[in-house]
Amino acid sequence: MFDSAVVFLDLETTGASADRDRITEVGLIEVVDGEYVDEWSTLVNPGRAIPAGITALTGISNDMVAAAPGFADIAQELQRRLDARLLIAHNARFDYNFLRAEFRRIGILFSSSVLCTVRLSRCLFPEHRHHNLDSIMERFAISCAARHRALPDAQVIWSFAREIRARVAPEQITAAIEAVLQLPVQTRGEIAQIALRVPNEPGVYVFYDSDGSALYVGKSANLRSRILADLEGEGARHQHLQHLHSATLEWTETAGELGAALRELSLLRSLQPRYNRRRNLGEAWTLNWSPEHGVSLLELTHAVGAEREPRYGIFRSRNDALAALRGVVRAQSLCGILAGLESGPGPCSFHAAGSCAGACIGKENPLLHTARLMSALARLRLGPWPFRGAIAVREADPYRAMSEVHVLDRWRYIGSARTDPELVELMQLRALPDFDIDHYRLISRYLAQPEAARNIVHLHRDDAALPIEW
């Protein structure tokens, strides 16, 4: 661990998603051959409001970062301090993903070898159940000037590394590091040769062009097989990928296919890759009914899952919702005016075409028409969110000793976690992401499976104890 140049790093952020959230503070300690060289920290203006829950956790407020530099302003100095050094962090996947995302936004493809001290602690001290930073501080009597601030937490990680060096045999440390060290996920060169390094495990992957723009996002139960198939297939996307010589292939292993599918949908929305099928991102519609207004269209953004009024159907566009309503009206001999498709005194166009029973001209009792309309819509009715609050869905692969939980709330995918601190970060997010029709469909299909109930853990965001067995 100390025979080269390393950097102990910690970040504070506006939330748990590297796609949606931003860095608010960076703290790092540079060490060469086990000797302290320098330390550096700075607040970072995230360009967006810091949620109150995050401020309560970290103490970093919107006023504190108002005059701070943006990430682009510190990028050159940060990259200089990280260049050619092993990056060591607690829950390193979290910090590394945020660094890569921030650098990528300003056109820099950052890459580093990464050592996660959570994984290292598990490997060296398997007799202990918890390996979050607070547990390690208590176990080794390590003090911290200000928890959940970047530089003090980085100092705790360095102190933990020195405790390891003092207590564990060198050969055991070396073996543990080799077991958990993560090589750079971004690799330049022949893309087909890079693909041979990809594991035969579930996960998601992204092809990036040489300029850092996303080309294609995919998922698979077998990453290597799927990626090689992409490189050998036919069509415009495949031909472009086959001829890439200076590009990036990134992948993330997951515990199973559910995690891969949830992450893929998030990446499709945030990256909008060039060769994936285009969708109406963020757009979803449903049908609403009330005694005063009859059937109306409602665009779904925030208010899904906790409503008392029923919703009928879920559609990618306003036109799709109208087409579905027209189909119901036509099939059940309903009135286009009373169903909300048309206005005017009547008769409706459906009566003129011979498919309306005549409620619009007095041939059918309006109450009977309403009853028939409600019966026809009933088969489209959306079920409410079936839980009192957020849930964690546990997914595990015992053969790889990998487990993670996917946090869901009101049909939204909040994020995935593999450790207690990562789960805490997700549980502290107060604002739900916008409704996404693809996540809704994926989550509803999963919850409909009989075996889903065995994997669900109910979460209470204000509880101090985490109910997860990793």
Protein backbone atom coordinates (compact mmCIF):
# COMPACT_ATOMS: atom_id res chain seq x y z
CA MET A 1 0.00 0.00 0.00
CA PHE A 2 2.88 2.42 0.73
CA ASP A 3 5.48 1.42 -1.83
CA SER A 4 4.27 4.00 -4.35
CA ALA A 5 2.52 7.33 -4.58
CA VAL A 6 -1.04 7.18 -3.27
CA VAL A 7 -3.82 9.65 -2.54
CA PHE A 8 -6.33 9.21 0.28
CA LEU A 9 -9.46 10.98 -0.90
CA ASP A 10 -12.96 11.83 0.27
CA LEU A 11 -15.76 13.77 -1.39
CA GLU A 12 -18.91 15.41 -0.14
CA THR A 13 -21.79 15.69 -2.59
CA THR A 14 -25.35 16.94 -2.98
CA GLY A 15 -26.66 13.36 -3.00
CA ALA A 16 -25.95 9.75 -3.87
CA SER A 17 -26.31 9.74 -7.68
CA ALA A 18 -23.25 10.60 -9.76
CA ASP A 19 -25.58 11.23 -12.69
CA ARG A 20 -27.90 13.69 -10.93
CA ASP A 21 -25.83 15.11 -8.08
CA ARG A 22 -22.63 17.13 -7.84
CA ILE A 23 -19.51 17.43 -5.66
CA THR A 24 -19.55 20.04 -2.89
CA GLU A 25 -16.13 19.39 -1.28
CA VAL A 26 -12.88 17.61 -2.06
CA GLY A 27 -10.28 16.57 0.49
CA LEU A 28 -7.15 14.54 -0.14
CA ILE A 29 -3.83 13.55 1.42
CA GLU A 30 -0.81 12.72 -0.73
CA VAL A 31 1.51 9.99 0.58
CA VAL A 32 4.68 8.61 -1.01
CA ASP A 33 6.42 5.50 0.34
CA GLY A 34 4.31 5.72 3.48
CA GLU A 35 5.31 9.31 4.22
CA TYR A 36 3.01 12.31 4.33
CA VAL A 37 3.70 14.72 1.48
CA ASP A 38 0.82 17.19 1.31
CA GLU A 39 -2.87 17.69 1.85
CA TRP A 40 -5.41 19.75 -0.06
CA SER A 41 -9.08 20.55 0.27
CA THR A 42 -11.61 22.92 -1.21
CA LEU A 43 -15.30 23.55 -1.19
CA VAL A 44 -16.91 23.27 -4.62
CA ASN A 45 -19.91 25.19 -5.90
CA PRO A 46 -22.20 22.41 -7.23
CA GLY A 47 -24.26 24.78 -9.34
CA ARG A 48 -27.47 23.62 -7.64
CA ALA A 49 -29.13 23.73 -4.25
CA ILE A 50 -27.84 21.45 -1.51
CA PRO A 51 -30.75 19.49 0.03
CA ALA A 52 -31.50 20.26 3.69
CA GLY A 53 -30.84 16.65 4.65
CA ILE A 54 -27.35 16.79 3.16
CA THR A 55 -26.62 20.06 4.95
CA ALA A 56 -27.73 18.49 8.22
CA LEU A 57 -25.36 15.56 7.61
CA THR A 58 -22.27 17.41 6.37
CA GLY A 59 -22.71 20.94 7.69
CA ILE A 60 -22.09 22.27 4.17
CA SER A 61 -24.72 24.86 3.30
CA ASN A 62 -25.66 26.75 0.16
CA ASP A 63 -24.15 29.93 1.65
CA MET A 64 -20.82 28.17 2.23
CA VAL A 65 -20.42 27.13 -1.41
CA ALA A 66 -21.89 30.27 -2.98
CA ALA A 67 -18.46 31.88 -3.49
CA ALA A 68 -16.56 28.57 -3.94
CA PRO A 69 -15.01 27.61 -7.30
CA GLY A 70 -16.91 25.30 -9.62
CA PHE A 71 -15.52 21.88 -10.47
CA ALA A 72 -14.17 23.14 -13.79
CA ASP A 73 -12.12 25.71 -11.87
CA ILE A 74 -10.40 23.10 -9.69
CA ALA A 75 -10.18 20.31 -12.27
CA GLN A 76 -6.62 21.03 -13.42
CA GLU A 77 -5.22 21.18 -9.89
CA LEU A 78 -7.17 18.11 -8.79
CA GLN A 79 -6.07 16.11 -11.82
CA ARG A 80 -2.43 17.07 -11.18
CA ARG A 81 -2.64 15.75 -7.61
CA LEU A 82 -4.36 12.52 -8.68
CA ASP A 83 -2.30 11.79 -11.79
CA ALA A 84 -0.42 8.45 -11.77
CA ARG A 85 -1.34 7.78 -8.15
CA LEU A 86 -3.34 4.99 -6.59
CA LEU A 87 -6.64 6.43 -5.38
CA ILE A 88 -7.68 5.16 -1.92
CA ALA A 89 -11.14 5.92 -0.56
CA HIS A 90 -13.78 4.47 1.71
CA ASN A 91 -16.64 3.22 -0.49
CA ALA A 92 -14.34 4.08 -3.38
CA ARG A 93 -16.96 3.25 -6.01
CA PHE A 94 -18.97 6.25 -4.80
CA ASP A 95 -16.08 8.74 -4.92
CA TYR A 96 -14.62 7.38 -8.15
CA ASN A 97 -17.97 7.50 -9.97
CA PHE A 98 -18.46 11.12 -8.91
CA LEU A 99 -14.95 12.09 -10.02
CA ARG A 100 -15.36 10.46 -13.41
CA ALA A 101 -18.78 12.04 -13.92
CA GLU A 102 -17.56 15.53 -13.01
CA PHE A 103 -14.45 15.25 -15.20
CA ARG A 104 -16.50 13.86 -18.08
CA ARG A 105 -18.88 16.83 -17.95
CA ILE A 106 -15.98 19.13 -18.77
CA GLY A 107 -14.57 16.85 -21.46
CA ILE A 108 -11.86 15.02 -19.47
CA LEU A 109 -11.78 11.22 -19.43
CA PHE A 110 -10.37 10.61 -15.96
CA SER A 111 -9.03 7.18 -15.04
CA SER A 112 -7.26 5.73 -12.01
CA SER A 113 -6.54 2.51 -10.17
CA VAL A 114 -8.73 2.45 -7.08
CA LEU A 115 -8.46 0.78 -3.67
CA CYS A 116 -11.60 0.65 -1.54
CA THR A 117 -10.89 0.50 2.20
CA VAL A 118 -14.36 -0.93 2.88
CA ARG A 119 -13.53 -3.95 0.76
CA LEU A 120 -10.02 -4.06 2.22
CA SER A 121 -11.42 -4.04 5.75
CA ARG A 122 -13.80 -6.88 4.93
CA CYS A 123 -10.94 -8.88 3.49
CA LEU A 124 -8.54 -8.32 6.40
CA PHE A 125 -11.03 -8.33 9.27
CA PRO A 126 -13.85 -10.74 8.30
CA GLU A 127 -14.69 -11.35 11.96
CA HIS A 128 -16.28 -7.90 12.17
CA ARG A 129 -19.77 -7.29 10.84
CA HIS A 130 -19.62 -3.57 10.11
CA HIS A 131 -16.96 -1.81 8.07
CA ASN A 132 -18.33 1.70 7.69
CA LEU A 133 -16.07 4.57 8.69
CA ASP A 134 -17.69 5.11 12.09
CA SER A 135 -17.23 1.43 12.99
CA ILE A 136 -13.58 1.54 11.93
CA MET A 137 -12.99 4.69 13.98
CA GLU A 138 -14.47 3.01 17.04
CA ARG A 139 -12.57 -0.24 16.47
CA PHE A 140 -9.15 1.45 16.19
CA ALA A 141 -9.82 4.48 18.42
CA ILE A 142 -9.37 6.90 15.50
CA SER A 143 -10.58 10.45 16.11
CA CYS A 144 -12.01 12.80 13.51
CA ALA A 145 -12.11 16.59 13.63
CA ALA A 146 -15.38 16.80 11.66
CA ARG A 147 -17.19 13.74 10.36
CA HIS A 148 -18.71 14.00 6.92
CA ARG A 149 -16.27 16.71 5.87
CA ALA A 150 -13.90 15.77 3.08
CA LEU A 151 -10.42 16.37 4.50
CA PRO A 152 -11.12 15.06 8.04
CA ASP A 153 -12.64 11.89 6.60
CA ALA A 154 -9.64 11.47 4.28
CA GLN A 155 -7.41 11.77 7.36
CA VAL A 156 -9.40 8.99 9.03
CA ILE A 157 -8.83 6.75 6.00
CA TRP A 158 -5.09 7.43 6.14
CA SER A 159 -5.07 6.67 9.87
CA PHE A 160 -6.85 3.39 9.16
CA ALA A 161 -4.22 2.52 6.55
CA ARG A 162 -1.46 3.09 9.11
CA GLU A 163 -3.31 0.89 11.62
CA ILE A 164 -3.43 -1.87 9.01
CA ARG A 165 0.29 -1.53 8.36
CA ALA A 166 1.05 -1.74 12.10
CA ARG A 167 -1.22 -4.71 12.83
CA VAL A 168 -1.20 -6.95 9.74
CA ALA A 169 1.66 -8.92 8.21
CA PRO A 170 2.99 -7.36 4.96
CA GLU A 171 2.32 -10.46 2.87
CA GLN A 172 -1.29 -10.55 4.10
CA ILE A 173 -1.74 -6.88 3.23
CA THR A 174 -0.33 -7.47 -0.25
CA ALA A 175 -2.64 -10.42 -0.87
CA ALA A 176 -5.68 -8.47 0.31
CA ILE A 177 -4.85 -5.48 -1.89
CA GLU A 178 -4.40 -7.71 -4.93
CA ALA A 179 -7.81 -9.24 -4.20
CA VAL A 180 -9.72 -5.96 -4.01
CA LEU A 181 -7.72 -3.54 -6.19
CA GLN A 182 -9.77 -2.12 -9.05
CA LEU A 183 -7.87 -1.35 -12.21
CA PRO A 184 -8.93 1.61 -14.33
CA VAL A 185 -12.32 1.00 -15.89
CA GLN A 186 -11.50 3.34 -18.74
CA THR A 187 -8.98 1.85 -21.13
CA ARG A 188 -7.88 3.13 -24.51
CA GLY A 189 -6.78 0.93 -27.38
CA GLU A 190 -8.26 -1.83 -29.48
CA ILE A 191 -11.83 -2.02 -28.24
CA ALA A 192 -12.15 -5.76 -28.96
CA GLN A 193 -9.08 -6.48 -26.81
CA ILE A 194 -10.56 -4.40 -24.02
CA ALA A 195 -13.75 -6.46 -24.19
CA LEU A 196 -11.80 -9.62 -23.39
CA ARG A 197 -11.14 -8.20 -19.90
CA VAL A 198 -14.84 -7.85 -19.18
CA PRO A 199 -16.18 -10.46 -16.71
CA ASN A 200 -18.83 -13.02 -17.57
CA GLU A 201 -21.19 -11.54 -14.99
CA PRO A 202 -24.38 -9.44 -14.94
CA GLY A 203 -23.98 -5.71 -15.32
CA VAL A 204 -24.25 -2.59 -17.45
CA TYR A 205 -21.79 -1.11 -19.92
CA VAL A 206 -21.22 2.07 -21.91
CA PHE A 207 -19.28 2.67 -25.11
CA TYR A 208 -17.86 6.21 -25.32
CA ASP A 209 -16.39 7.86 -28.39
CA SER A 210 -12.90 9.34 -28.26
CA ASP A 211 -14.39 12.74 -27.40
CA GLY A 212 -16.20 11.32 -24.36
CA SER A 213 -19.70 11.29 -25.83
CA ALA A 214 -21.81 8.22 -25.07
CA LEU A 215 -22.37 5.92 -28.04
CA TYR A 216 -24.32 3.01 -26.61
CA VAL A 217 -25.60 1.76 -23.25
CA GLY A 218 -26.44 -1.88 -22.67
CA LYS A 219 -27.03 -4.49 -19.99
CA SER A 220 -26.67 -8.23 -19.86
CA ALA A 221 -26.63 -11.27 -17.61
CA ASN A 222 -23.24 -11.94 -19.23
CA LEU A 223 -21.33 -8.75 -19.93
CA ARG A 224 -18.49 -10.21 -21.98
CA SER A 225 -20.76 -12.25 -24.23
CA ARG A 226 -23.06 -9.33 -24.91
CA ILE A 227 -20.27 -6.82 -25.60
CA LEU A 228 -18.47 -9.15 -27.99
CA ALA A 229 -21.79 -9.74 -29.76
CA ASP A 230 -22.13 -5.97 -30.16
CA LEU A 231 -18.72 -5.85 -31.77
CA GLU A 232 -19.54 -8.68 -34.19
CA GLY A 233 -23.10 -7.67 -35.12
CA GLU A 234 -24.54 -5.92 -38.15
CA GLY A 235 -26.08 -2.50 -38.57
CA ALA A 236 -24.92 1.09 -38.24
CA ARG A 237 -24.22 0.89 -34.50
CA HIS A 238 -22.25 -2.34 -34.75
CA GLN A 239 -20.22 -1.11 -37.72
CA HIS A 240 -19.27 2.05 -35.84
CA LEU A 241 -18.21 0.11 -32.74
CA GLN A 242 -16.16 -2.35 -34.79
CA HIS A 243 -14.00 0.46 -36.20
CA LEU A 244 -13.34 2.26 -32.92
CA HIS A 245 -9.62 2.33 -32.10
CA SER A 246 -9.46 5.19 -29.63
CA ALA A 247 -12.45 4.80 -27.38
CA THR A 248 -13.64 3.90 -23.95
CA LEU A 249 -15.56 0.91 -22.68
CA GLU A 250 -16.87 1.13 -19.14
CA TRP A 251 -18.75 -1.52 -17.27
CA THR A 252 -20.22 -2.08 -13.83
CA GLU A 253 -20.83 -5.54 -12.42
CA THR A 254 -24.11 -6.00 -10.59
CA ALA A 255 -25.39 -8.64 -8.21
CA GLY A 256 -28.08 -9.64 -10.68
CA GLU A 257 -30.22 -8.71 -13.63
CA LEU A 258 -32.59 -6.41 -11.75
CA GLY A 259 -29.75 -4.10 -10.75
CA ALA A 260 -28.42 -4.13 -14.30
CA ALA A 261 -31.82 -3.21 -15.73
CA LEU A 262 -32.41 -0.39 -13.22
CA ARG A 263 -28.97 1.11 -13.86
CA GLU A 264 -29.34 0.82 -17.63
CA LEU A 265 -32.52 2.89 -17.61
CA SER A 266 -30.85 5.58 -15.49
CA LEU A 267 -27.85 5.72 -17.82
CA LEU A 268 -30.08 5.93 -20.90
CA ARG A 269 -31.83 8.91 -19.40
CA SER A 270 -28.72 10.75 -18.18
CA LEU A 271 -26.36 10.03 -21.11
CA GLN A 272 -28.79 9.86 -24.05
CA PRO A 273 -26.36 7.69 -26.07
CA ARG A 274 -26.21 8.13 -29.81
CA TYR A 275 -27.06 4.57 -30.92
CA ASN A 276 -29.75 3.54 -28.44
CA ARG A 277 -33.38 3.75 -29.49
CA ARG A 278 -34.70 7.25 -28.85
CA ARG A 279 -37.47 7.59 -26.29
CA ASN A 280 -39.58 10.43 -24.97
CA LEU A 281 -37.41 10.83 -21.90
CA GLY A 282 -39.28 12.16 -18.91
CA GLU A 283 -42.64 12.14 -20.68
CA ALA A 284 -45.49 9.96 -19.40
CA TRP A 285 -49.26 10.39 -19.52
CA THR A 286 -52.27 8.82 -17.88
CA LEU A 287 -56.06 9.12 -17.94
CA ASN A 288 -57.89 10.70 -15.03
CA TRP A 289 -61.64 10.70 -14.31
CA SER A 290 -63.75 12.94 -12.12
CA PRO A 291 -67.52 13.49 -11.88
CA GLU A 292 -67.07 17.17 -12.76
CA HIS A 293 -64.81 16.85 -15.80
CA GLY A 294 -65.18 13.26 -16.93
CA VAL A 295 -62.04 11.78 -18.50
CA SER A 296 -59.02 14.05 -18.83
CA LEU A 297 -55.34 13.62 -19.61
CA LEU A 298 -52.71 14.06 -16.93
CA GLU A 299 -48.97 14.36 -17.51
CA LEU A 300 -47.00 12.38 -14.95
CA THR A 301 -43.92 13.97 -13.42
CA HIS A 302 -43.87 14.12 -9.65
CA ALA A 303 -47.31 12.98 -8.45
CA VAL A 304 -47.35 9.24 -8.93
CA GLY A 305 -47.77 6.60 -6.30
CA ALA A 306 -49.47 8.28 -3.38
CA GLU A 307 -52.61 9.69 -5.05
CA ARG A 308 -56.07 8.94 -3.80
CA GLU A 309 -57.68 9.54 -7.19
CA PRO A 310 -57.40 6.56 -9.57
CA ARG A 311 -55.26 6.73 -12.69
CA TYR A 312 -55.99 4.71 -15.81
CA GLY A 313 -53.19 3.49 -18.04
CA ILE A 314 -49.71 4.84 -18.55
CA PHE A 315 -48.52 6.07 -21.94
CA ARG A 316 -45.35 7.49 -23.48
CA SER A 317 -47.06 10.45 -25.13
CA ARG A 318 -50.27 12.46 -25.11
CA ASN A 319 -51.17 11.03 -28.53
CA ASP A 320 -50.75 7.46 -27.25
CA ALA A 321 -53.08 8.21 -24.33
CA LEU A 322 -55.69 9.72 -26.66
CA ALA A 323 -55.41 6.76 -29.03
CA ALA A 324 -55.98 4.34 -26.16
CA LEU A 325 -59.05 6.28 -24.98
CA ARG A 326 -60.44 6.32 -28.53
CA GLY A 327 -59.98 2.56 -28.69
CA VAL A 328 -61.91 2.07 -25.44
CA VAL A 329 -64.71 4.39 -26.59
CA ARG A 330 -65.02 2.67 -29.95
CA ALA A 331 -64.88 -0.88 -28.54
CA GLN A 332 -67.52 -0.21 -25.84
CA SER A 333 -69.88 1.93 -27.95
CA LEU A 334 -69.27 4.93 -25.71
CA CYS A 335 -69.80 8.59 -26.46
CA GLY A 336 -66.83 10.68 -27.57
CA ILE A 337 -68.23 13.82 -25.92
CA LEU A 338 -69.01 12.27 -22.53
CA ALA A 339 -65.67 10.45 -22.61
CA GLY A 340 -63.84 13.77 -22.98
CA LEU A 341 -62.53 13.30 -26.50
CA GLU A 342 -64.81 15.90 -28.10
CA SER A 343 -66.83 18.96 -27.15
CA GLY A 344 -70.09 20.38 -28.39
CA PRO A 345 -73.81 19.66 -28.14
CA GLY A 346 -73.71 16.37 -30.04
CA PRO A 347 -74.01 14.05 -31.70
CA CYS A 348 -70.40 12.93 -31.41
CA SER A 349 -68.35 11.66 -34.32
CA PHE A 350 -68.50 8.12 -32.93
CA HIS A 351 -72.32 8.21 -33.18
CA ALA A 352 -72.03 9.38 -36.76
CA ALA A 353 -69.75 6.41 -37.43
CA GLY A 354 -72.25 4.04 -35.82
CA SER A 355 -70.22 3.09 -32.72
CA CYS A 356 -71.85 5.33 -30.06
CA ALA A 357 -74.96 4.09 -28.25
CA GLY A 358 -76.36 7.63 -28.27
CA ALA A 359 -75.74 9.12 -24.86
CA CYS A 360 -74.84 12.39 -26.56
CA ILE A 361 -78.36 12.72 -28.09
CA GLY A 362 -80.39 11.31 -25.21
CA LYS A 363 -80.72 7.72 -26.38
CA GLU A 364 -78.74 6.39 -23.37
CA ASN A 365 -79.05 7.40 -19.75
CA PRO A 366 -75.93 9.43 -18.78
CA LEU A 367 -75.60 7.51 -15.49
CA LEU A 368 -75.62 4.21 -17.36
CA HIS A 369 -73.03 5.60 -19.78
CA THR A 370 -70.81 6.67 -16.86
CA ALA A 371 -71.07 3.20 -15.33
CA ARG A 372 -70.08 1.59 -18.63
CA LEU A 373 -67.20 4.03 -19.05
CA MET A 374 -65.87 3.32 -15.57
CA SER A 375 -66.16 -0.42 -16.16
CA ALA A 376 -64.21 -0.10 -19.42
CA LEU A 377 -61.48 1.98 -17.78
CA ALA A 378 -61.21 -0.34 -14.78
CA ARG A 379 -58.97 -2.78 -16.63
CA LEU A 380 -56.46 0.06 -17.17
CA ARG A 381 -56.46 1.23 -13.55
CA LEU A 382 -52.98 1.73 -12.09
CA GLY A 383 -52.39 0.23 -8.69
CA PRO A 384 -51.14 2.57 -5.95
CA TRP A 385 -47.66 2.18 -4.50
CA PRO A 386 -48.25 -0.90 -2.31
CA PHE A 387 -46.00 0.16 0.57
CA ARG A 388 -46.11 2.85 3.26
CA GLY A 389 -42.77 4.29 2.18
CA ALA A 390 -39.49 3.38 0.52
CA ILE A 391 -38.31 -0.20 0.21
CA ALA A 392 -34.98 -1.87 -0.43
CA VAL A 393 -34.95 -4.87 -2.76
CA ARG A 394 -32.06 -7.17 -1.92
CA GLU A 395 -30.28 -8.91 -4.78
CA ALA A 396 -27.41 -11.30 -4.12
CA ASP A 397 -25.07 -13.62 -5.96
CA PRO A 398 -23.68 -16.06 -3.37
CA TYR A 399 -21.16 -17.51 -5.81
CA ARG A 400 -19.41 -14.13 -6.10
CA ALA A 401 -20.20 -13.09 -2.54
CA MET A 402 -21.81 -9.98 -3.98
CA SER A 403 -24.99 -8.40 -2.67
CA GLU A 404 -26.64 -5.04 -3.12
CA VAL A 405 -29.96 -3.39 -2.45
CA HIS A 406 -32.02 -1.28 -4.79
CA VAL A 407 -33.95 1.53 -3.11
CA LEU A 408 -37.39 2.15 -4.59
CA ASP A 409 -40.05 4.66 -3.60
CA ARG A 410 -43.40 5.36 -5.29
CA TRP A 411 -42.34 3.57 -8.48
CA ARG A 412 -39.04 5.52 -8.65
CA TYR A 413 -35.56 4.03 -8.64
CA ILE A 414 -33.61 6.02 -6.04
CA GLY A 415 -30.31 4.15 -6.42
CA SER A 416 -28.37 1.02 -5.46
CA ALA A 417 -26.10 0.43 -2.48
CA ARG A 418 -23.62 -2.22 -1.41
CA THR A 419 -22.65 -0.85 1.99
CA ASP A 420 -24.30 0.80 4.99
CA PRO A 421 -22.94 4.30 4.21
CA GLU A 422 -24.16 4.10 0.62
CA LEU A 423 -27.61 3.07 1.83
CA VAL A 424 -27.64 5.91 4.37
CA GLU A 425 -26.86 8.37 1.58
CA LEU A 426 -29.83 7.11 -0.45
CA MET A 427 -32.18 7.14 2.53
CA GLN A 428 -31.29 10.76 3.25
CA LEU A 429 -32.44 11.94 -0.16
CA ARG A 430 -35.72 13.77 0.38
CA ALA A 431 -36.61 14.78 -3.15
CA LEU A 432 -37.79 11.97 -5.39
CA PRO A 433 -36.56 11.84 -8.99
CA ASP A 434 -39.11 12.59 -11.69
CA PHE A 435 -41.40 9.76 -12.66
CA ASP A 436 -39.94 7.52 -15.38
CA ILE A 437 -42.26 5.24 -17.33
CA ASP A 438 -39.60 2.62 -17.99
CA HIS A 439 -38.61 2.36 -14.34
CA TYR A 440 -42.31 2.13 -13.45
CA ARG A 441 -42.86 -0.78 -15.80
CA LEU A 442 -39.73 -2.59 -14.68
CA ILE A 443 -40.53 -2.15 -10.98
CA SER A 444 -44.18 -3.14 -11.35
CA ARG A 445 -43.22 -6.32 -13.26
CA TYR A 446 -40.71 -7.24 -10.59
CA LEU A 447 -43.09 -6.64 -7.68
CA ALA A 448 -45.71 -8.81 -9.38
CA GLN A 449 -43.44 -11.85 -9.13
CA PRO A 450 -44.26 -14.19 -6.20
CA GLU A 451 -40.64 -14.37 -5.06
CA ALA A 452 -40.27 -10.57 -4.85
CA ALA A 453 -41.74 -10.40 -1.33
CA ARG A 454 -38.83 -12.44 0.07
CA ASN A 455 -36.33 -9.80 -1.04
CA ILE A 456 -38.12 -6.66 0.18
CA VAL A 457 -37.02 -4.73 3.25
CA HIS A 458 -39.12 -1.78 4.41
CA LEU A 459 -37.12 1.39 5.00
CA HIS A 460 -37.86 4.20 7.42
CA ARG A 461 -35.72 7.17 6.51
CA ASP A 462 -35.52 8.53 10.03
CA ASP A 463 -34.40 5.28 11.67
CA ALA A 464 -30.82 5.20 12.91
CA ALA A 465 -30.51 1.41 12.56
CA LEU A 466 -30.28 -0.08 9.09
CA PRO A 467 -32.39 -3.22 8.60
CA ILE A 468 -30.13 -4.74 5.93
CA GLU A 469 -28.14 -7.95 6.22
CA TRP A 470 -25.48 -7.62 3.54
